[in-house]
Full PDB file with SEQRES, HELIX, SHEET, SSBOND, CRYST1, ORIGX, SCALE, CONECT and MASTER records, all heavy atoms in Angstrom:
SEQRES   1 A   35  SER GLY HIS TYR PRO ALA PHE ALA GLY TYR VAL GLY PRO          
SEQRES   2 A   35  GLY LEU ALA ASP ALA ALA VAL ALA GLY ASP VAL PHE ALA          
SEQRES   3 A   35  SER PRO SER THR ALA ALA VAL ALA ARG                          
HELIX    1 AA1 ALA A    8  TYR A   10  5                                   3    
HELIX    2 AA2 THR A   30  ALA A   34  1                                   5    
CRYST1    1.000    1.000    1.000  90.00  90.00  90.00 P 1           1          
ORIGX1      1.000000  0.000000  0.000000        0.00000                         
ORIGX2      0.000000  1.000000  0.000000        0.00000                         
ORIGX3      0.000000  0.000000  1.000000        0.00000                         
SCALE1      1.000000  0.000000  0.000000        0.00000                         
SCALE2      0.000000  1.000000  0.000000        0.00000                         
SCALE3      0.000000  0.000000  1.000000        0.00000                         
ATOM      1  N   SER A   1       0.852  -1.194   0.000  1.00  0.00           N  
ATOM      2  CA  SER A   1       0.000   0.000   0.000  1.00  0.00           C  
ATOM      3  C   SER A   1       0.893   1.250   0.000  1.00  0.00           C  
ATOM      4  O   SER A   1       2.106   1.173   0.112  1.00  0.00           O  
ATOM      5  CB  SER A   1      -0.910  -0.014   1.227  1.00  0.00           C  
ATOM      6  OG  SER A   1      -1.793  -1.111   1.185  1.00  0.00           O  
ATOM      7  N   GLY A   2       0.261   2.405  -0.146  1.00  0.00           N  
ATOM      8  CA  GLY A   2       1.008   3.654  -0.193  1.00  0.00           C  
ATOM      9  C   GLY A   2       1.278   4.152  -1.580  1.00  0.00           C  
ATOM     10  O   GLY A   2       1.932   5.182  -1.756  1.00  0.00           O  
ATOM     11  N   HIS A   3       0.746   3.444  -2.603  1.00  0.00           N  
ATOM     12  CA  HIS A   3       1.014   3.796  -3.996  1.00  0.00           C  
ATOM     13  C   HIS A   3      -0.253   4.194  -4.752  1.00  0.00           C  
ATOM     14  O   HIS A   3      -0.230   4.250  -5.973  1.00  0.00           O  
ATOM     15  CB  HIS A   3       1.655   2.614  -4.726  1.00  0.00           C  
ATOM     16  CG  HIS A   3       2.880   2.084  -4.081  1.00  0.00           C  
ATOM     17  ND1 HIS A   3       4.000   2.848  -3.874  1.00  0.00           N  
ATOM     18  CD2 HIS A   3       3.169   0.848  -3.577  1.00  0.00           C  
ATOM     19  CE1 HIS A   3       4.927   2.120  -3.285  1.00  0.00           C  
ATOM     20  NE2 HIS A   3       4.451   0.908  -3.093  1.00  0.00           N  
ATOM     21  N   TYR A   4      -1.363   4.431  -4.072  1.00  0.00           N  
ATOM     22  CA  TYR A   4      -2.632   4.650  -4.756  1.00  0.00           C  
ATOM     23  C   TYR A   4      -2.489   5.706  -5.847  1.00  0.00           C  
ATOM     24  O   TYR A   4      -1.834   6.721  -5.639  1.00  0.00           O  
ATOM     25  CB  TYR A   4      -3.735   5.072  -3.773  1.00  0.00           C  
ATOM     26  CG  TYR A   4      -5.078   5.139  -4.460  1.00  0.00           C  
ATOM     27  CD1 TYR A   4      -5.816   3.981  -4.639  1.00  0.00           C  
ATOM     28  CD2 TYR A   4      -5.546   6.324  -5.014  1.00  0.00           C  
ATOM     29  CE1 TYR A   4      -7.023   4.021  -5.338  1.00  0.00           C  
ATOM     30  CE2 TYR A   4      -6.737   6.364  -5.711  1.00  0.00           C  
ATOM     31  CZ  TYR A   4      -7.474   5.215  -5.873  1.00  0.00           C  
ATOM     32  OH  TYR A   4      -8.648   5.249  -6.574  1.00  0.00           O  
ATOM     33  N   PRO A   5      -3.124   5.417  -7.011  1.00  0.00           N  
ATOM     34  CA  PRO A   5      -4.134   4.400  -7.295  1.00  0.00           C  
ATOM     35  C   PRO A   5      -3.623   2.988  -7.542  1.00  0.00           C  
ATOM     36  O   PRO A   5      -4.429   2.090  -7.713  1.00  0.00           O  
ATOM     37  CB  PRO A   5      -4.834   4.929  -8.537  1.00  0.00           C  
ATOM     38  CG  PRO A   5      -3.797   5.739  -9.225  1.00  0.00           C  
ATOM     39  CD  PRO A   5      -2.998   6.385  -8.138  1.00  0.00           C  
ATOM     40  N   ALA A   6      -2.306   2.809  -7.620  1.00  0.00           N  
ATOM     41  CA  ALA A   6      -1.815   1.436  -7.631  1.00  0.00           C  
ATOM     42  C   ALA A   6      -2.057   0.852  -6.231  1.00  0.00           C  
ATOM     43  O   ALA A   6      -1.689   1.465  -5.239  1.00  0.00           O  
ATOM     44  CB  ALA A   6      -0.319   1.412  -7.959  1.00  0.00           C  
ATOM     45  N   PHE A   7      -2.706  -0.276  -6.144  1.00  0.00           N  
ATOM     46  CA  PHE A   7      -3.047  -1.157  -7.252  1.00  0.00           C  
ATOM     47  C   PHE A   7      -4.566  -1.359  -7.340  1.00  0.00           C  
ATOM     48  O   PHE A   7      -5.083  -1.796  -8.361  1.00  0.00           O  
ATOM     49  CB  PHE A   7      -2.357  -2.518  -7.072  1.00  0.00           C  
ATOM     50  CG  PHE A   7      -0.856  -2.367  -7.109  1.00  0.00           C  
ATOM     51  CD1 PHE A   7      -0.129  -2.155  -5.949  1.00  0.00           C  
ATOM     52  CD2 PHE A   7      -0.169  -2.388  -8.311  1.00  0.00           C  
ATOM     53  CE1 PHE A   7       1.240  -1.996  -5.988  1.00  0.00           C  
ATOM     54  CE2 PHE A   7       1.213  -2.237  -8.357  1.00  0.00           C  
ATOM     55  CZ  PHE A   7       1.927  -2.032  -7.182  1.00  0.00           C  
ATOM     56  N   ALA A   8      -5.252  -1.044  -6.271  1.00  0.00           N  
ATOM     57  CA  ALA A   8      -6.695  -1.261  -6.234  1.00  0.00           C  
ATOM     58  C   ALA A   8      -7.430  -0.385  -7.237  1.00  0.00           C  
ATOM     59  O   ALA A   8      -8.480  -0.767  -7.769  1.00  0.00           O  
ATOM     60  CB  ALA A   8      -7.231  -1.006  -4.822  1.00  0.00           C  
ATOM     61  N   GLY A   9      -6.882   0.793  -7.535  1.00  0.00           N  
ATOM     62  CA  GLY A   9      -7.531   1.695  -8.476  1.00  0.00           C  
ATOM     63  C   GLY A   9      -7.502   1.220  -9.906  1.00  0.00           C  
ATOM     64  O   GLY A   9      -8.133   1.824 -10.773  1.00  0.00           O  
ATOM     65  N   TYR A  10      -6.781   0.135 -10.169  1.00  0.00           N  
ATOM     66  CA  TYR A  10      -6.714  -0.432 -11.519  1.00  0.00           C  
ATOM     67  C   TYR A  10      -7.788  -1.494 -11.779  1.00  0.00           C  
ATOM     68  O   TYR A  10      -7.863  -2.040 -12.886  1.00  0.00           O  
ATOM     69  CB  TYR A  10      -5.367  -1.111 -11.751  1.00  0.00           C  
ATOM     70  CG  TYR A  10      -4.142  -0.246 -11.647  1.00  0.00           C  
ATOM     71  CD1 TYR A  10      -2.884  -0.818 -11.528  1.00  0.00           C  
ATOM     72  CD2 TYR A  10      -4.218   1.142 -11.666  1.00  0.00           C  
ATOM     73  CE1 TYR A  10      -1.734  -0.043 -11.441  1.00  0.00           C  
ATOM     74  CE2 TYR A  10      -3.071   1.924 -11.575  1.00  0.00           C  
ATOM     75  CZ  TYR A  10      -1.836   1.324 -11.466  1.00  0.00           C  
ATOM     76  OH  TYR A  10      -0.701   2.090 -11.373  1.00  0.00           O  
ATOM     77  N   VAL A  11      -8.599  -1.801 -10.784  1.00  0.00           N  
ATOM     78  CA  VAL A  11      -9.549  -2.909 -10.911  1.00  0.00           C  
ATOM     79  C   VAL A  11     -10.822  -2.430 -11.583  1.00  0.00           C  
ATOM     80  O   VAL A  11     -11.459  -1.454 -11.151  1.00  0.00           O  
ATOM     81  CB  VAL A  11      -9.856  -3.536  -9.541  1.00  0.00           C  
ATOM     82  CG1 VAL A  11     -10.918  -4.633  -9.676  1.00  0.00           C  
ATOM     83  CG2 VAL A  11      -8.585  -4.106  -8.924  1.00  0.00           C  
ATOM     84  N   GLY A  12     -11.205  -3.121 -12.646  1.00  0.00           N  
ATOM     85  CA  GLY A  12     -12.421  -2.802 -13.369  1.00  0.00           C  
ATOM     86  C   GLY A  12     -12.365  -3.393 -14.766  1.00  0.00           C  
ATOM     87  O   GLY A  12     -11.319  -3.891 -15.209  1.00  0.00           O  
ATOM     88  N   PRO A  13     -13.457  -3.370 -15.498  1.00  0.00           N  
ATOM     89  CA  PRO A  13     -13.492  -3.933 -16.853  1.00  0.00           C  
ATOM     90  C   PRO A  13     -12.404  -3.349 -17.745  1.00  0.00           C  
ATOM     91  O   PRO A  13     -12.178  -2.140 -17.769  1.00  0.00           O  
ATOM     92  CB  PRO A  13     -14.890  -3.545 -17.354  1.00  0.00           C  
ATOM     93  CG  PRO A  13     -15.706  -3.386 -16.108  1.00  0.00           C  
ATOM     94  CD  PRO A  13     -14.767  -2.828 -15.083  1.00  0.00           C  
ATOM     95  N   GLY A  14     -11.723  -4.218 -18.474  1.00  0.00           N  
ATOM     96  CA  GLY A  14     -10.682  -3.784 -19.381  1.00  0.00           C  
ATOM     97  C   GLY A  14      -9.314  -3.629 -18.768  1.00  0.00           C  
ATOM     98  O   GLY A  14      -8.339  -3.371 -19.471  1.00  0.00           O  
ATOM     99  N   LEU A  15      -9.212  -3.805 -17.434  1.00  0.00           N  
ATOM    100  CA  LEU A  15      -7.904  -3.716 -16.800  1.00  0.00           C  
ATOM    101  C   LEU A  15      -7.772  -4.905 -15.841  1.00  0.00           C  
ATOM    102  O   LEU A  15      -7.750  -6.032 -16.293  1.00  0.00           O  
ATOM    103  CB  LEU A  15      -7.708  -2.351 -16.114  1.00  0.00           C  
ATOM    104  CG  LEU A  15      -6.306  -1.736 -16.281  1.00  0.00           C  
ATOM    105  CD1 LEU A  15      -6.331  -0.228 -16.083  1.00  0.00           C  
ATOM    106  CD2 LEU A  15      -5.281  -2.374 -15.413  1.00  0.00           C  
ATOM    107  N   ALA A  16      -7.687  -4.691 -14.550  1.00  0.00           N  
ATOM    108  CA  ALA A  16      -7.443  -5.809 -13.634  1.00  0.00           C  
ATOM    109  C   ALA A  16      -8.746  -6.395 -13.104  1.00  0.00           C  
ATOM    110  O   ALA A  16      -9.754  -5.703 -12.959  1.00  0.00           O  
ATOM    111  CB  ALA A  16      -6.569  -5.357 -12.469  1.00  0.00           C  
ATOM    112  N   ASP A  17      -8.678  -7.685 -12.796  1.00  0.00           N  
ATOM    113  CA  ASP A  17      -9.826  -8.367 -12.181  1.00  0.00           C  
ATOM    114  C   ASP A  17      -9.764  -8.322 -10.665  1.00  0.00           C  
ATOM    115  O   ASP A  17     -10.790  -8.495  -9.999  1.00  0.00           O  
ATOM    116  CB  ASP A  17      -9.865  -9.821 -12.641  1.00  0.00           C  
ATOM    117  CG  ASP A  17     -10.149  -9.931 -14.126  1.00  0.00           C  
ATOM    118  OD1 ASP A  17     -11.318  -9.828 -14.507  1.00  0.00           O  
ATOM    119  OD2 ASP A  17      -9.188 -10.099 -14.905  1.00  0.00           O  
ATOM    120  N   ALA A  18      -8.588  -8.116 -10.119  1.00  0.00           N  
ATOM    121  CA  ALA A  18      -8.426  -8.083  -8.668  1.00  0.00           C  
ATOM    122  C   ALA A  18      -7.092  -7.438  -8.345  1.00  0.00           C  
ATOM    123  O   ALA A  18      -6.190  -7.364  -9.187  1.00  0.00           O  
ATOM    124  CB  ALA A  18      -8.492  -9.486  -8.070  1.00  0.00           C  
ATOM    125  N   ALA A  19      -6.967  -6.959  -7.111  1.00  0.00           N  
ATOM    126  CA  ALA A  19      -5.709  -6.398  -6.628  1.00  0.00           C  
ATOM    127  C   ALA A  19      -5.471  -6.879  -5.208  1.00  0.00           C  
ATOM    128  O   ALA A  19      -6.400  -6.959  -4.397  1.00  0.00           O  
ATOM    129  CB  ALA A  19      -5.733  -4.873  -6.671  1.00  0.00           C  
ATOM    130  N   VAL A  20      -4.213  -7.198  -4.919  1.00  0.00           N  
ATOM    131  CA  VAL A  20      -3.793  -7.610  -3.575  1.00  0.00           C  
ATOM    132  C   VAL A  20      -3.033  -6.449  -2.951  1.00  0.00           C  
ATOM    133  O   VAL A  20      -2.210  -5.810  -3.615  1.00  0.00           O  
ATOM    134  CB  VAL A  20      -2.892  -8.851  -3.623  1.00  0.00           C  
ATOM    135  CG1 VAL A  20      -2.819  -9.505  -2.249  1.00  0.00           C  
ATOM    136  CG2 VAL A  20      -3.364  -9.846  -4.669  1.00  0.00           C  
ATOM    137  N   ALA A  21      -3.285  -6.163  -1.676  1.00  0.00           N  
ATOM    138  CA  ALA A  21      -2.659  -5.019  -1.019  1.00  0.00           C  
ATOM    139  C   ALA A  21      -1.959  -5.445   0.263  1.00  0.00           C  
ATOM    140  O   ALA A  21      -2.579  -6.012   1.159  1.00  0.00           O  
ATOM    141  CB  ALA A  21      -3.707  -3.958  -0.704  1.00  0.00           C  
ATOM    142  N   GLY A  22      -0.659  -5.171   0.339  1.00  0.00           N  
ATOM    143  CA  GLY A  22       0.087  -5.389   1.564  1.00  0.00           C  
ATOM    144  C   GLY A  22       0.022  -4.166   2.450  1.00  0.00           C  
ATOM    145  O   GLY A  22      -0.713  -3.207   2.178  1.00  0.00           O  
ATOM    146  N   ASP A  23       0.799  -4.171   3.519  1.00  0.00           N  
ATOM    147  CA  ASP A  23       0.918  -2.992   4.371  1.00  0.00           C  
ATOM    148  C   ASP A  23       1.668  -1.913   3.597  1.00  0.00           C  
ATOM    149  O   ASP A  23       2.109  -2.125   2.462  1.00  0.00           O  
ATOM    150  CB  ASP A  23       1.652  -3.357   5.670  1.00  0.00           C  
ATOM    151  CG  ASP A  23       1.263  -2.449   6.821  1.00  0.00           C  
ATOM    152  OD1 ASP A  23       0.681  -1.373   6.558  1.00  0.00           O  
ATOM    153  OD2 ASP A  23       1.554  -2.783   7.983  1.00  0.00           O  
ATOM    154  N   VAL A  24       1.834  -0.742   4.200  1.00  0.00           N  
ATOM    155  CA  VAL A  24       2.500   0.357   3.504  1.00  0.00           C  
ATOM    156  C   VAL A  24       3.921  -0.053   3.116  1.00  0.00           C  
ATOM    157  O   VAL A  24       4.735  -0.427   3.957  1.00  0.00           O  
ATOM    158  CB  VAL A  24       2.538   1.615   4.382  1.00  0.00           C  
ATOM    159  CG1 VAL A  24       3.324   2.729   3.684  1.00  0.00           C  
ATOM    160  CG2 VAL A  24       1.123   2.083   4.696  1.00  0.00           C  
ATOM    161  N   PHE A  25       4.194  -0.032   1.821  1.00  0.00           N  
ATOM    162  CA  PHE A  25       5.499  -0.353   1.240  1.00  0.00           C  
ATOM    163  C   PHE A  25       5.948  -1.785   1.547  1.00  0.00           C  
ATOM    164  O   PHE A  25       7.147  -2.083   1.480  1.00  0.00           O  
ATOM    165  CB  PHE A  25       6.569   0.625   1.714  1.00  0.00           C  
ATOM    166  CG  PHE A  25       6.356   2.045   1.250  1.00  0.00           C  
ATOM    167  CD1 PHE A  25       7.147   3.072   1.754  1.00  0.00           C  
ATOM    168  CD2 PHE A  25       5.367   2.372   0.331  1.00  0.00           C  
ATOM    169  CE1 PHE A  25       6.965   4.388   1.332  1.00  0.00           C  
ATOM    170  CE2 PHE A  25       5.178   3.682  -0.089  1.00  0.00           C  
ATOM    171  CZ  PHE A  25       5.986   4.697   0.422  1.00  0.00           C  
ATOM    172  N   ALA A  26       5.023  -2.668   1.895  1.00  0.00           N  
ATOM    173  CA  ALA A  26       5.371  -4.056   2.218  1.00  0.00           C  
ATOM    174  C   ALA A  26       4.589  -4.995   1.310  1.00  0.00           C  
ATOM    175  O   ALA A  26       3.407  -4.788   1.040  1.00  0.00           O  
ATOM    176  CB  ALA A  26       5.057  -4.373   3.683  1.00  0.00           C  
ATOM    177  N   SER A  27       5.259  -6.037   0.855  1.00  0.00           N  
ATOM    178  CA  SER A  27       4.593  -7.001  -0.015  1.00  0.00           C  
ATOM    179  C   SER A  27       3.414  -7.654   0.685  1.00  0.00           C  
ATOM    180  O   SER A  27       3.473  -7.933   1.887  1.00  0.00           O  
ATOM    181  CB  SER A  27       5.596  -8.080  -0.424  1.00  0.00           C  
ATOM    182  OG  SER A  27       4.948  -9.151  -1.079  1.00  0.00           O  
ATOM    183  N   PRO A  28       2.330  -7.924  -0.030  1.00  0.00           N  
ATOM    184  CA  PRO A  28       1.258  -8.747   0.548  1.00  0.00           C  
ATOM    185  C   PRO A  28       1.780 -10.146   0.806  1.00  0.00           C  
ATOM    186  O   PRO A  28       2.705 -10.615   0.140  1.00  0.00           O  
ATOM    187  CB  PRO A  28       0.172  -8.732  -0.532  1.00  0.00           C  
ATOM    188  CG  PRO A  28       0.873  -8.393  -1.799  1.00  0.00           C  
ATOM    189  CD  PRO A  28       2.034  -7.518  -1.421  1.00  0.00           C  
ATOM    190  N   SER A  29       1.207 -10.816   1.763  1.00  0.00           N  
ATOM    191  CA  SER A  29       1.657 -12.155   2.127  1.00  0.00           C  
ATOM    192  C   SER A  29       1.285 -13.169   1.049  1.00  0.00           C  
ATOM    193  O   SER A  29       0.396 -12.936   0.220  1.00  0.00           O  
ATOM    194  CB  SER A  29       1.041 -12.588   3.459  1.00  0.00           C  
ATOM    195  OG  SER A  29      -0.354 -12.825   3.310  1.00  0.00           O  
ATOM    196  N   THR A  30       1.970 -14.293   1.090  1.00  0.00           N  
ATOM    197  CA  THR A  30       1.651 -15.394   0.183  1.00  0.00           C  
ATOM    198  C   THR A  30       0.190 -15.796   0.315  1.00  0.00           C  
ATOM    199  O   THR A  30      -0.507 -16.011  -0.681  1.00  0.00           O  
ATOM    200  CB  THR A  30       2.556 -16.599   0.484  1.00  0.00           C  
ATOM    201  OG1 THR A  30       3.915 -16.231   0.225  1.00  0.00           O  
ATOM    202  CG2 THR A  30       2.180 -17.795  -0.361  1.00  0.00           C  
ATOM    203  N   ALA A  31      -0.280 -15.909   1.562  1.00  0.00           N  
ATOM    204  CA  ALA A  31      -1.669 -16.322   1.790  1.00  0.00           C  
ATOM    205  C   ALA A  31      -2.649 -15.326   1.185  1.00  0.00           C  
ATOM    206  O   ALA A  31      -3.668 -15.709   0.608  1.00  0.00           O  
ATOM    207  CB  ALA A  31      -1.925 -16.485   3.289  1.00  0.00           C  
ATOM    208  N   ALA A  32      -2.345 -14.015   1.313  1.00  0.00           N  
ATOM    209  CA  ALA A  32      -3.242 -13.001   0.757  1.00  0.00           C  
ATOM    210  C   ALA A  32      -3.286 -13.080  -0.764  1.00  0.00           C  
ATOM    211  O   ALA A  32      -4.357 -12.997  -1.376  1.00  0.00           O  
ATOM    212  CB  ALA A  32      -2.798 -11.615   1.203  1.00  0.00           C  
ATOM    213  N   VAL A  33      -2.129 -13.251  -1.396  1.00  0.00           N  
ATOM    214  CA  VAL A  33      -2.092 -13.357  -2.859  1.00  0.00           C  
ATOM    215  C   VAL A  33      -2.904 -14.555  -3.327  1.00  0.00           C  
ATOM    216  O   VAL A  33      -3.736 -14.461  -4.243  1.00  0.00           O  
ATOM    217  CB  VAL A  33      -0.642 -13.468  -3.358  1.00  0.00           C  
ATOM    218  CG1 VAL A  33      -0.617 -13.690  -4.876  1.00  0.00           C  
ATOM    219  CG2 VAL A  33       0.154 -12.219  -2.994  1.00  0.00           C  
ATOM    220  N   ALA A  34      -2.682 -15.702  -2.686  1.00  0.00           N  
ATOM    221  CA  ALA A  34      -3.405 -16.915  -3.080  1.00  0.00           C  
ATOM    222  C   ALA A  34      -4.906 -16.757  -2.866  1.00  0.00           C  
ATOM    223  O   ALA A  34      -5.723 -17.171  -3.706  1.00  0.00           O  
ATOM    224  CB  ALA A  34      -2.875 -18.105  -2.298  1.00  0.00           C  
ATOM    225  N   ARG A  35      -5.279 -16.139  -1.775  1.00  0.00           N  
ATOM    226  CA  ARG A  35      -6.706 -15.972  -1.448  1.00  0.00           C  
ATOM    227  C   ARG A  35      -7.405 -15.099  -2.487  1.00  0.00           C  
ATOM    228  O   ARG A  35      -8.484 -15.451  -2.994  1.00  0.00           O  
ATOM    229  CB  ARG A  35      -6.837 -15.339  -0.062  1.00  0.00           C  
ATOM    230  CG  ARG A  35      -8.269 -15.136   0.410  1.00  0.00           C  
ATOM    231  CD  ARG A  35      -8.311 -14.328   1.694  1.00  0.00           C  
ATOM    232  NE  ARG A  35      -7.474 -14.885   2.731  1.00  0.00           N  
ATOM    233  CZ  ARG A  35      -6.398 -14.272   3.235  1.00  0.00           C  
ATOM    234  NH1 ARG A  35      -6.036 -13.086   2.790  1.00  0.00           N  
ATOM    235  NH2 ARG A  35      -5.705 -14.838   4.197  1.00  0.00           N  
TER     236      ARG A  35                                                      
MASTER        0    0    0    2    0    0    0    6  235    1    0    3          
END                                                                             
């Protein structure tokens, strides 16, 4: 997180189907990505 609109702001028809968000400047966990 901390990069808005990356990455959640990209979700919608014609672009992304989903976005995973970690903590500020931290990668989302493996479990979150898989989920």
